[in-house]
């Protein structure tokens, strides 16, 4: 199956854990982080230690993690604007008057968003797409949704190649980009790509039916996780839940 571009094969303990364990661990960790009040700063420090420990345990290069954190850029921009646009009591920071609620909100977005993104990076870098789909299947995700995700992963590279060929063809005919008049050509290319992808989907579906497809794909997973794997995989998440409970208790 294509789509292995996010996988970083280091053969670590995290890589060897079943996908369903890592998916549940990610969900519990994110829920613990999100439920923590923004003003309990020490709790986020502990979350940071836990997630950095996961990155080290998975043996992921720091440069790879930092590069993939770029997906968070829009949220960072939004968070940096919050202290200037939020209302309420003002506080002076380096001679600049900022909204105190906006500063806390910016911290809330940055801290929780970064922790969640890094946790997702660990999952995607330690689990192949087929394993992820098998994990979702083991977690009883509806088979139709698993099939849709499977086809999306399989044909993402095909559609990307189509888009690349269309770009080359457009540029070979004198398209340079950067002018409003060229938007029509780009829009036409997007429409053609959609039609081509739709037609390919119909051909694939007919081919599947001719081979006996009944609406349900063969199972991707062949075995589950044992108790030891669950305990190992959920250690960090359970620690995060303990931190979240302690933060709630302290905040009362």
C-alpha atoms as a PDB file:
ATOM      1  CA  UNK A   1       0.000   0.000   0.000  1.00  0.00           C
ATOM      2  CA  UNK A   2       1.313   3.463  -0.872  1.00  0.00           C
ATOM      3  CA  UNK A   3       1.396   6.354   1.542  1.00  0.00           C
ATOM      4  CA  UNK A   4       4.365   5.305   3.693  1.00  0.00           C
ATOM      5  CA  UNK A   5       5.972   8.731   3.375  1.00  0.00           C
ATOM      6  CA  UNK A   6       5.306   9.619   7.039  1.00  0.00           C
ATOM      7  CA  UNK A   7       6.735   6.391   8.446  1.00  0.00           C
ATOM      8  CA  UNK A   8      10.199   6.582  10.014  1.00  0.00           C
ATOM      9  CA  UNK A   9      11.300   2.928  10.338  1.00  0.00           C
ATOM     10  CA  UNK A  10      13.574   2.810  13.371  1.00  0.00           C
ATOM     11  CA  UNK A  11      12.404  -0.553  14.745  1.00  0.00           C
ATOM     12  CA  UNK A  12      11.795   0.863  18.218  1.00  0.00           C
ATOM     13  CA  UNK A  13       9.470  -0.463  20.916  1.00  0.00           C
ATOM     14  CA  UNK A  14       6.884   2.113  19.870  1.00  0.00           C
ATOM     15  CA  UNK A  15       7.018   0.831  16.286  1.00  0.00           C
ATOM     16  CA  UNK A  16       6.427  -2.743  17.437  1.00  0.00           C
ATOM     17  CA  UNK A  17       3.277  -1.947  19.412  1.00  0.00           C
ATOM     18  CA  UNK A  18      -0.015  -2.845  17.693  1.00  0.00           C
ATOM     19  CA  UNK A  19      -1.657   0.081  15.942  1.00  0.00           C
ATOM     20  CA  UNK A  20      -4.902  -0.127  17.922  1.00  0.00           C
ATOM     21  CA  UNK A  21      -2.950   0.322  21.163  1.00  0.00           C
ATOM     22  CA  UNK A  22      -1.240   3.446  19.844  1.00  0.00           C
ATOM     23  CA  UNK A  23      -4.512   4.906  18.542  1.00  0.00           C
ATOM     24  CA  UNK A  24      -6.217   4.496  21.932  1.00  0.00           C
ATOM     25  CA  UNK A  25      -3.113   5.866  23.685  1.00  0.00           C
ATOM     26  CA  UNK A  26      -3.141   8.959  21.449  1.00  0.00           C
ATOM     27  CA  UNK A  27      -6.841   9.552  22.094  1.00  0.00           C
ATOM     28  CA  UNK A  28      -6.470   9.261  25.876  1.00  0.00           C
ATOM     29  CA  UNK A  29      -3.396  11.511  25.924  1.00  0.00           C
ATOM     30  CA  UNK A  30      -5.118  14.224  23.885  1.00  0.00           C
ATOM     31  CA  UNK A  31      -8.243  14.060  26.070  1.00  0.00           C
ATOM     32  CA  UNK A  32      -6.085  14.435  29.195  1.00  0.00           C
ATOM     33  CA  UNK A  33      -4.260  17.440  27.750  1.00  0.00           C
ATOM     34  CA  UNK A  34      -7.427  19.153  26.503  1.00  0.00           C
ATOM     35  CA  UNK A  35      -9.215  18.699  29.833  1.00  0.00           C
ATOM     36  CA  UNK A  36      -6.413  20.407  31.788  1.00  0.00           C
ATOM     37  CA  UNK A  37      -7.050  24.047  32.787  1.00  0.00           C
ATOM     38  CA  UNK A  38      -4.772  26.436  30.925  1.00  0.00           C
ATOM     39  CA  UNK A  39      -3.545  28.086  34.135  1.00  0.00           C
ATOM     40  CA  UNK A  40      -2.019  24.906  35.594  1.00  0.00           C
ATOM     41  CA  UNK A  41       1.367  25.421  33.963  1.00  0.00           C
ATOM     42  CA  UNK A  42       3.218  22.638  35.765  1.00  0.00           C
ATOM     43  CA  UNK A  43       0.857  20.054  34.277  1.00  0.00           C
ATOM     44  CA  UNK A  44       1.826  21.056  30.728  1.00  0.00           C
ATOM     45  CA  UNK A  45       5.483  20.776  31.712  1.00  0.00           C
ATOM     46  CA  UNK A  46       4.861  17.178  32.761  1.00  0.00           C
ATOM     47  CA  UNK A  47       2.966  16.495  29.532  1.00  0.00           C
ATOM     48  CA  UNK A  48       5.949  17.857  27.634  1.00  0.00           C
ATOM     49  CA  UNK A  49       8.310  15.509  29.486  1.00  0.00           C
ATOM     50  CA  UNK A  50       6.044  12.545  28.699  1.00  0.00           C
ATOM     51  CA  UNK A  51       5.746  13.308  24.984  1.00  0.00           C
ATOM     52  CA  UNK A  52       9.467  14.051  24.607  1.00  0.00           C
ATOM     53  CA  UNK A  53      10.098  10.706  26.254  1.00  0.00           C
ATOM     54  CA  UNK A  54       7.863   9.073  23.630  1.00  0.00           C
ATOM     55  CA  UNK A  55       9.802  10.778  20.833  1.00  0.00           C
ATOM     56  CA  UNK A  56      13.077   9.539  22.327  1.00  0.00           C
ATOM     57  CA  UNK A  57      11.697   6.025  22.835  1.00  0.00           C
ATOM     58  CA  UNK A  58      10.546   5.934  19.196  1.00  0.00           C
ATOM     59  CA  UNK A  59      14.035   7.160  18.183  1.00  0.00           C
ATOM     60  CA  UNK A  60      12.615   9.840  15.933  1.00  0.00           C
ATOM     61  CA  UNK A  61      15.080  12.467  14.656  1.00  0.00           C
ATOM     62  CA  UNK A  62      14.455  15.873  16.225  1.00  0.00           C
ATOM     63  CA  UNK A  63      14.744  17.530  12.799  1.00  0.00           C
ATOM     64  CA  UNK A  64      11.924  15.354  11.463  1.00  0.00           C
ATOM     65  CA  UNK A  65       9.639  16.211  14.365  1.00  0.00           C
ATOM     66  CA  UNK A  66      10.371  19.938  14.081  1.00  0.00           C
ATOM     67  CA  UNK A  67       9.814  19.898  10.327  1.00  0.00           C
ATOM     68  CA  UNK A  68       6.444  18.198  10.693  1.00  0.00           C
ATOM     69  CA  UNK A  69       5.434  20.679  13.372  1.00  0.00           C
ATOM     70  CA  UNK A  70       5.102  23.202  10.539  1.00  0.00           C
ATOM     71  CA  UNK A  71       1.541  21.923  10.075  1.00  0.00           C
ATOM     72  CA  UNK A  72       0.734  23.857  13.249  1.00  0.00           C
ATOM     73  CA  UNK A  73       1.707  27.225  11.730  1.00  0.00           C
ATOM     74  CA  UNK A  74      -1.876  28.560  11.191  1.00  0.00           C
ATOM     75  CA  UNK A  75      -2.705  27.890  14.847  1.00  0.00           C
ATOM     76  CA  UNK A  76       0.483  29.633  15.949  1.00  0.00           C
ATOM     77  CA  UNK A  77      -0.433  32.726  13.927  1.00  0.00           C
ATOM     78  CA  UNK A  78      -3.937  32.698  15.421  1.00  0.00           C
ATOM     79  CA  UNK A  79      -2.546  32.327  18.945  1.00  0.00           C
ATOM     80  CA  UNK A  80      -0.100  35.219  18.481  1.00  0.00           C
ATOM     81  CA  UNK A  81      -2.976  37.481  17.426  1.00  0.00           C
ATOM     82  CA  UNK A  82      -5.175  36.630  20.408  1.00  0.00           C
ATOM     83  CA  UNK A  83      -3.480  38.946  22.967  1.00  0.00           C
ATOM     84  CA  UNK A  84      -4.024  41.905  20.626  1.00  0.00           C
ATOM     85  CA  UNK A  85      -7.663  41.302  19.681  1.00  0.00           C
ATOM     86  CA  UNK A  86      -9.124  39.845  22.886  1.00  0.00           C
ATOM     87  CA  UNK A  87     -11.001  42.075  25.298  1.00  0.00           C
ATOM     88  CA  UNK A  88     -10.853  42.334  29.066  1.00  0.00           C
ATOM     89  CA  UNK A  89      -8.207  43.497  31.577  1.00  0.00           C
ATOM     90  CA  UNK A  90      -4.910  44.579  30.070  1.00  0.00           C
ATOM     91  CA  UNK A  91      -1.380  43.658  31.094  1.00  0.00           C
ATOM     92  CA  UNK A  92       1.904  45.274  30.016  1.00  0.00           C
ATOM     93  CA  UNK A  93       4.443  42.931  28.420  1.00  0.00           C
ATOM     94  CA  UNK A  94       7.717  44.608  27.364  1.00  0.00           C
ATOM     95  CA  UNK A  95       5.903  47.913  27.136  1.00  0.00           C
ATOM     96  CA  UNK A  96       3.063  46.529  24.999  1.00  0.00           C
ATOM     97  CA  UNK A  97      -0.476  46.459  26.372  1.00  0.00           C
ATOM     98  CA  UNK A  98      -2.008  43.010  25.888  1.00  0.00           C
ATOM     99  CA  UNK A  99      -5.224  41.366  26.965  1.00  0.00           C
ATOM    100  CA  UNK A 100      -4.580  39.081  29.932  1.00  0.00           C
ATOM    101  CA  UNK A 101      -7.306  36.684  28.815  1.00  0.00           C
ATOM    102  CA  UNK A 102      -5.818  36.767  25.312  1.00  0.00           C
ATOM    103  CA  UNK A 103      -2.362  35.880  26.646  1.00  0.00           C
ATOM    104  CA  UNK A 104      -3.815  32.936  28.565  1.00  0.00           C
ATOM    105  CA  UNK A 105      -5.824  31.890  25.512  1.00  0.00           C
ATOM    106  CA  UNK A 106      -2.727  32.045  23.318  1.00  0.00           C
ATOM    107  CA  UNK A 107      -0.840  29.873  25.780  1.00  0.00           C
ATOM    108  CA  UNK A 108      -3.779  27.446  25.858  1.00  0.00           C
ATOM    109  CA  UNK A 109      -3.825  27.092  22.065  1.00  0.00           C
ATOM    110  CA  UNK A 110      -0.050  26.796  21.714  1.00  0.00           C
ATOM    111  CA  UNK A 111       0.495  24.344  24.571  1.00  0.00           C
ATOM    112  CA  UNK A 112      -2.388  21.993  23.852  1.00  0.00           C
ATOM    113  CA  UNK A 113      -2.018  22.221  20.084  1.00  0.00           C
ATOM    114  CA  UNK A 114       1.716  21.505  20.134  1.00  0.00           C
ATOM    115  CA  UNK A 115       1.361  18.558  22.488  1.00  0.00           C
ATOM    116  CA  UNK A 116      -1.412  17.068  20.363  1.00  0.00           C
ATOM    117  CA  UNK A 117       0.497  17.548  17.115  1.00  0.00           C
ATOM    118  CA  UNK A 118       3.678  15.967  18.504  1.00  0.00           C
ATOM    119  CA  UNK A 119       1.657  13.001  19.784  1.00  0.00           C
ATOM    120  CA  UNK A 120       0.119  12.588  16.318  1.00  0.00           C
ATOM    121  CA  UNK A 121       3.587  12.826  14.758  1.00  0.00           C
ATOM    122  CA  UNK A 122       4.779   9.965  16.973  1.00  0.00           C
ATOM    123  CA  UNK A 123       1.813   7.855  15.839  1.00  0.00           C
ATOM    124  CA  UNK A 124       2.238   8.585  12.131  1.00  0.00           C
ATOM    125  CA  UNK A 125       6.020   8.142  12.237  1.00  0.00           C
ATOM    126  CA  UNK A 126       5.842   4.797  14.046  1.00  0.00           C
ATOM    127  CA  UNK A 127       2.879   3.213  12.221  1.00  0.00           C
ATOM    128  CA  UNK A 128       2.422   2.429   8.549  1.00  0.00           C
ATOM    129  CA  UNK A 129      -0.866   3.334   6.841  1.00  0.00           C
ATOM    130  CA  UNK A 130      -1.925  -0.294   6.465  1.00  0.00           C
ATOM    131  CA  UNK A 131      -1.264  -0.920  10.150  1.00  0.00           C
ATOM    132  CA  UNK A 132      -3.286   2.168  11.058  1.00  0.00           C
ATOM    133  CA  UNK A 133      -6.226   0.908   9.022  1.00  0.00           C
ATOM    134  CA  UNK A 134      -5.894  -2.528  10.610  1.00  0.00           C
ATOM    135  CA  UNK A 135      -5.875  -0.876  14.031  1.00  0.00           C
ATOM    136  CA  UNK A 136      -9.045   1.052  13.257  1.00  0.00           C
ATOM    137  CA  UNK A 137     -10.589  -2.190  12.065  1.00  0.00           C
ATOM    138  CA  UNK A 138      -9.641  -3.906  15.348  1.00  0.00           C
ATOM    139  CA  UNK A 139     -11.292  -1.020  17.208  1.00  0.00           C
ATOM    140  CA  UNK A 140     -14.558  -1.803  15.392  1.00  0.00           C
ATOM    141  CA  UNK A 141     -14.621   1.280  13.181  1.00  0.00           C
ATOM    142  CA  UNK A 142     -17.395   0.850  10.563  1.00  0.00           C
ATOM    143  CA  UNK A 143     -16.111  -1.265   7.672  1.00  0.00           C
ATOM    144  CA  UNK A 144     -17.360   1.244   5.100  1.00  0.00           C
ATOM    145  CA  UNK A 145     -15.281   4.029   6.657  1.00  0.00           C
ATOM    146  CA  UNK A 146     -12.222   1.756   6.812  1.00  0.00           C
ATOM    147  CA  UNK A 147     -12.695   0.940   3.108  1.00  0.00           C
ATOM    148  CA  UNK A 148     -12.938   4.644   2.210  1.00  0.00           C
ATOM    149  CA  UNK A 149      -9.763   5.432   4.149  1.00  0.00           C
ATOM    150  CA  UNK A 150      -8.019   2.459   2.532  1.00  0.00           C
ATOM    151  CA  UNK A 151      -8.810   3.657  -0.978  1.00  0.00           C
ATOM    152  CA  UNK A 152      -7.806   7.207  -0.064  1.00  0.00           C
ATOM    153  CA  UNK A 153      -4.365   5.991   1.042  1.00  0.00           C
ATOM    154  CA  UNK A 154      -3.981   3.734  -1.984  1.00  0.00           C
ATOM    155  CA  UNK A 155      -4.836   6.355  -4.595  1.00  0.00           C
ATOM    156  CA  UNK A 156      -3.448   9.504  -2.988  1.00  0.00           C
ATOM    157  CA  UNK A 157      -0.130   9.048  -4.783  1.00  0.00           C
ATOM    158  CA  UNK A 158      -1.944   8.310  -8.058  1.00  0.00           C
ATOM    159  CA  UNK A 159      -3.901  11.556  -7.861  1.00  0.00           C
ATOM    160  CA  UNK A 160      -0.716  13.434  -6.867  1.00  0.00           C
ATOM    161  CA  UNK A 161       1.047  12.050  -9.956  1.00  0.00           C
ATOM    162  CA  UNK A 162      -1.887  13.175 -12.134  1.00  0.00           C
ATOM    163  CA  UNK A 163      -1.651  16.648 -10.647  1.00  0.00           C
ATOM    164  CA  UNK A 164       2.103  16.762 -11.291  1.00  0.00           C
ATOM    165  CA  UNK A 165       1.668  15.705 -14.931  1.00  0.00           C
ATOM    166  CA  UNK A 166      -1.042  18.327 -15.428  1.00  0.00           C
ATOM    167  CA  UNK A 167       1.247  20.988 -13.955  1.00  0.00           C
ATOM    168  CA  UNK A 168       4.061  20.023 -16.324  1.00  0.00           C
ATOM    169  CA  UNK A 169       1.692  20.038 -19.303  1.00  0.00           C
ATOM    170  CA  UNK A 170       0.348  23.447 -18.313  1.00  0.00           C
ATOM    171  CA  UNK A 171       3.823  24.942 -17.963  1.00  0.00           C
ATOM    172  CA  UNK A 172       4.961  23.438 -21.293  1.00  0.00           C
ATOM    173  CA  UNK A 173       2.176  25.465 -22.933  1.00  0.00           C
ATOM    174  CA  UNK A 174       3.444  28.756 -21.541  1.00  0.00           C
ATOM    175  CA  UNK A 175       1.731  28.946 -18.168  1.00  0.00           C
ATOM    176  CA  UNK A 176       3.854  30.927 -15.732  1.00  0.00           C
ATOM    177  CA  UNK A 177       1.400  31.596 -12.898  1.00  0.00           C
ATOM    178  CA  UNK A 178       1.121  34.659 -10.701  1.00  0.00           C
ATOM    179  CA  UNK A 179      -1.489  36.500 -12.758  1.00  0.00           C
ATOM    180  CA  UNK A 180      -5.233  36.645 -12.202  1.00  0.00           C
ATOM    181  CA  UNK A 181      -5.859  35.681 -15.809  1.00  0.00           C
ATOM    182  CA  UNK A 182      -4.297  32.289 -15.194  1.00  0.00           C
ATOM    183  CA  UNK A 183      -6.802  31.381 -12.474  1.00  0.00           C
ATOM    184  CA  UNK A 184      -9.140  30.105 -15.178  1.00  0.00           C
ATOM    185  CA  UNK A 185      -6.514  27.614 -16.332  1.00  0.00           C
ATOM    186  CA  UNK A 186      -5.878  26.439 -12.766  1.00  0.00           C
ATOM    187  CA  UNK A 187      -9.600  26.090 -12.070  1.00  0.00           C
ATOM    188  CA  UNK A 188     -10.036  24.097 -15.283  1.00  0.00           C
ATOM    189  CA  UNK A 189      -7.191  21.814 -14.280  1.00  0.00           C
ATOM    190  CA  UNK A 190      -8.747  21.174 -10.868  1.00  0.00           C
ATOM    191  CA  UNK A 191     -12.070  20.350 -12.527  1.00  0.00           C
ATOM    192  CA  UNK A 192     -10.401  17.988 -14.986  1.00  0.00           C
ATOM    193  CA  UNK A 193      -8.555  16.268 -12.141  1.00  0.00           C
ATOM    194  CA  UNK A 194     -11.831  15.753 -10.269  1.00  0.00           C
ATOM    195  CA  UNK A 195     -13.538  14.251 -13.329  1.00  0.00           C
ATOM    196  CA  UNK A 196     -10.548  12.016 -14.026  1.00  0.00           C
ATOM    197  CA  UNK A 197     -10.473  10.796 -10.430  1.00  0.00           C
ATOM    198  CA  UNK A 198     -14.223  10.166 -10.432  1.00  0.00           C
ATOM    199  CA  UNK A 199     -13.995   8.137 -13.640  1.00  0.00           C
ATOM    200  CA  UNK A 200     -11.071   6.142 -12.245  1.00  0.00           C
ATOM    201  CA  UNK A 201     -13.135   5.381  -9.156  1.00  0.00           C
ATOM    202  CA  UNK A 202     -15.966   4.038 -11.325  1.00  0.00           C
ATOM    203  CA  UNK A 203     -13.570   1.818 -13.288  1.00  0.00           C
ATOM    204  CA  UNK A 204     -11.992   0.473 -10.097  1.00  0.00           C
ATOM    205  CA  UNK A 205     -15.441  -0.253  -8.634  1.00  0.00           C
ATOM    206  CA  UNK A 206     -16.514  -2.148 -11.764  1.00  0.00           C
ATOM    207  CA  UNK A 207     -13.271  -4.118 -11.735  1.00  0.00           C
ATOM    208  CA  UNK A 208     -13.831  -5.024  -8.077  1.00  0.00           C
ATOM    209  CA  UNK A 209     -17.385  -6.172  -8.762  1.00  0.00           C
ATOM    210  CA  UNK A 210     -16.204  -8.361 -11.633  1.00  0.00           C
ATOM    211  CA  UNK A 211     -13.862 -10.069  -9.156  1.00  0.00           C
ATOM    212  CA  UNK A 212     -16.603 -10.873  -6.668  1.00  0.00           C
ATOM    213  CA  UNK A 213     -16.652  -7.740  -4.480  1.00  0.00           C
ATOM    214  CA  UNK A 214     -19.731  -7.815  -2.237  1.00  0.00           C
ATOM    215  CA  UNK A 215     -19.329  -4.496  -0.455  1.00  0.00           C
ATOM    216  CA  UNK A 216     -16.908  -5.670   2.228  1.00  0.00           C
ATOM    217  CA  UNK A 217     -13.131  -5.753   1.885  1.00  0.00           C
ATOM    218  CA  UNK A 218     -11.037  -8.616   3.286  1.00  0.00           C
ATOM    219  CA  UNK A 219      -9.937  -8.121   6.876  1.00  0.00           C
ATOM    220  CA  UNK A 220      -6.659  -6.238   7.228  1.00  0.00           C
ATOM    221  CA  UNK A 221      -5.804  -7.474  10.716  1.00  0.00           C
ATOM    222  CA  UNK A 222      -5.150 -11.035  11.772  1.00  0.00           C
ATOM    223  CA  UNK A 223      -4.470 -10.699  15.499  1.00  0.00           C
ATOM    224  CA  UNK A 224      -5.061  -8.442  18.473  1.00  0.00           C
ATOM    225  CA  UNK A 225      -2.880  -7.066  21.261  1.00  0.00           C
ATOM    226  CA  UNK A 226      -2.156  -8.939  24.469  1.00  0.00           C
ATOM    227  CA  UNK A 227      -2.410  -7.505  27.974  1.00  0.00           C
ATOM    228  CA  UNK A 228       1.294  -6.683  28.167  1.00  0.00           C
ATOM    229  CA  UNK A 229       1.174  -4.655  24.962  1.00  0.00           C
ATOM    230  CA  UNK A 230      -1.843  -2.718  26.201  1.00  0.00           C
ATOM    231  CA  UNK A 231      -0.153  -1.953  29.522  1.00  0.00           C
ATOM    232  CA  UNK A 232       3.060  -0.875  27.795  1.00  0.00           C
ATOM    233  CA  UNK A 233       1.309   1.250  25.195  1.00  0.00           C
ATOM    234  CA  UNK A 234      -1.012   2.999  27.638  1.00  0.00           C
ATOM    235  CA  UNK A 235       1.648   3.819  30.258  1.00  0.00           C
ATOM    236  CA  UNK A 236       2.199   7.378  29.028  1.00  0.00           C
ATOM    237  CA  UNK A 237      -1.527   7.995  28.545  1.00  0.00           C
ATOM    238  CA  UNK A 238      -2.379   6.746  32.033  1.00  0.00           C
ATOM    239  CA  UNK A 239       0.343   8.990  33.465  1.00  0.00           C
ATOM    240  CA  UNK A 240      -1.150  11.917  31.524  1.00  0.00           C
ATOM    241  CA  UNK A 241      -4.608  11.121  32.926  1.00  0.00           C
ATOM    242  CA  UNK A 242      -3.142  11.113  36.449  1.00  0.00           C
ATOM    243  CA  UNK A 243      -1.585  14.522  35.787  1.00  0.00           C
ATOM    244  CA  UNK A 244      -4.909  15.843  34.449  1.00  0.00           C
ATOM    245  CA  UNK A 245      -6.783  14.618  37.541  1.00  0.00           C
ATOM    246  CA  UNK A 246      -4.165  16.166  39.830  1.00  0.00           C
ATOM    247  CA  UNK A 247      -4.401  19.454  37.942  1.00  0.00           C
ATOM    248  CA  UNK A 248      -8.174  19.449  38.365  1.00  0.00           C
ATOM    249  CA  UNK A 249      -7.900  18.709  42.069  1.00  0.00           C
ATOM    250  CA  UNK A 250      -5.315  21.457  42.617  1.00  0.00           C
ATOM    251  CA  UNK A 251      -7.469  23.910  40.638  1.00  0.00           C
ATOM    252  CA  UNK A 252     -10.529  23.366  42.861  1.00  0.00           C
END
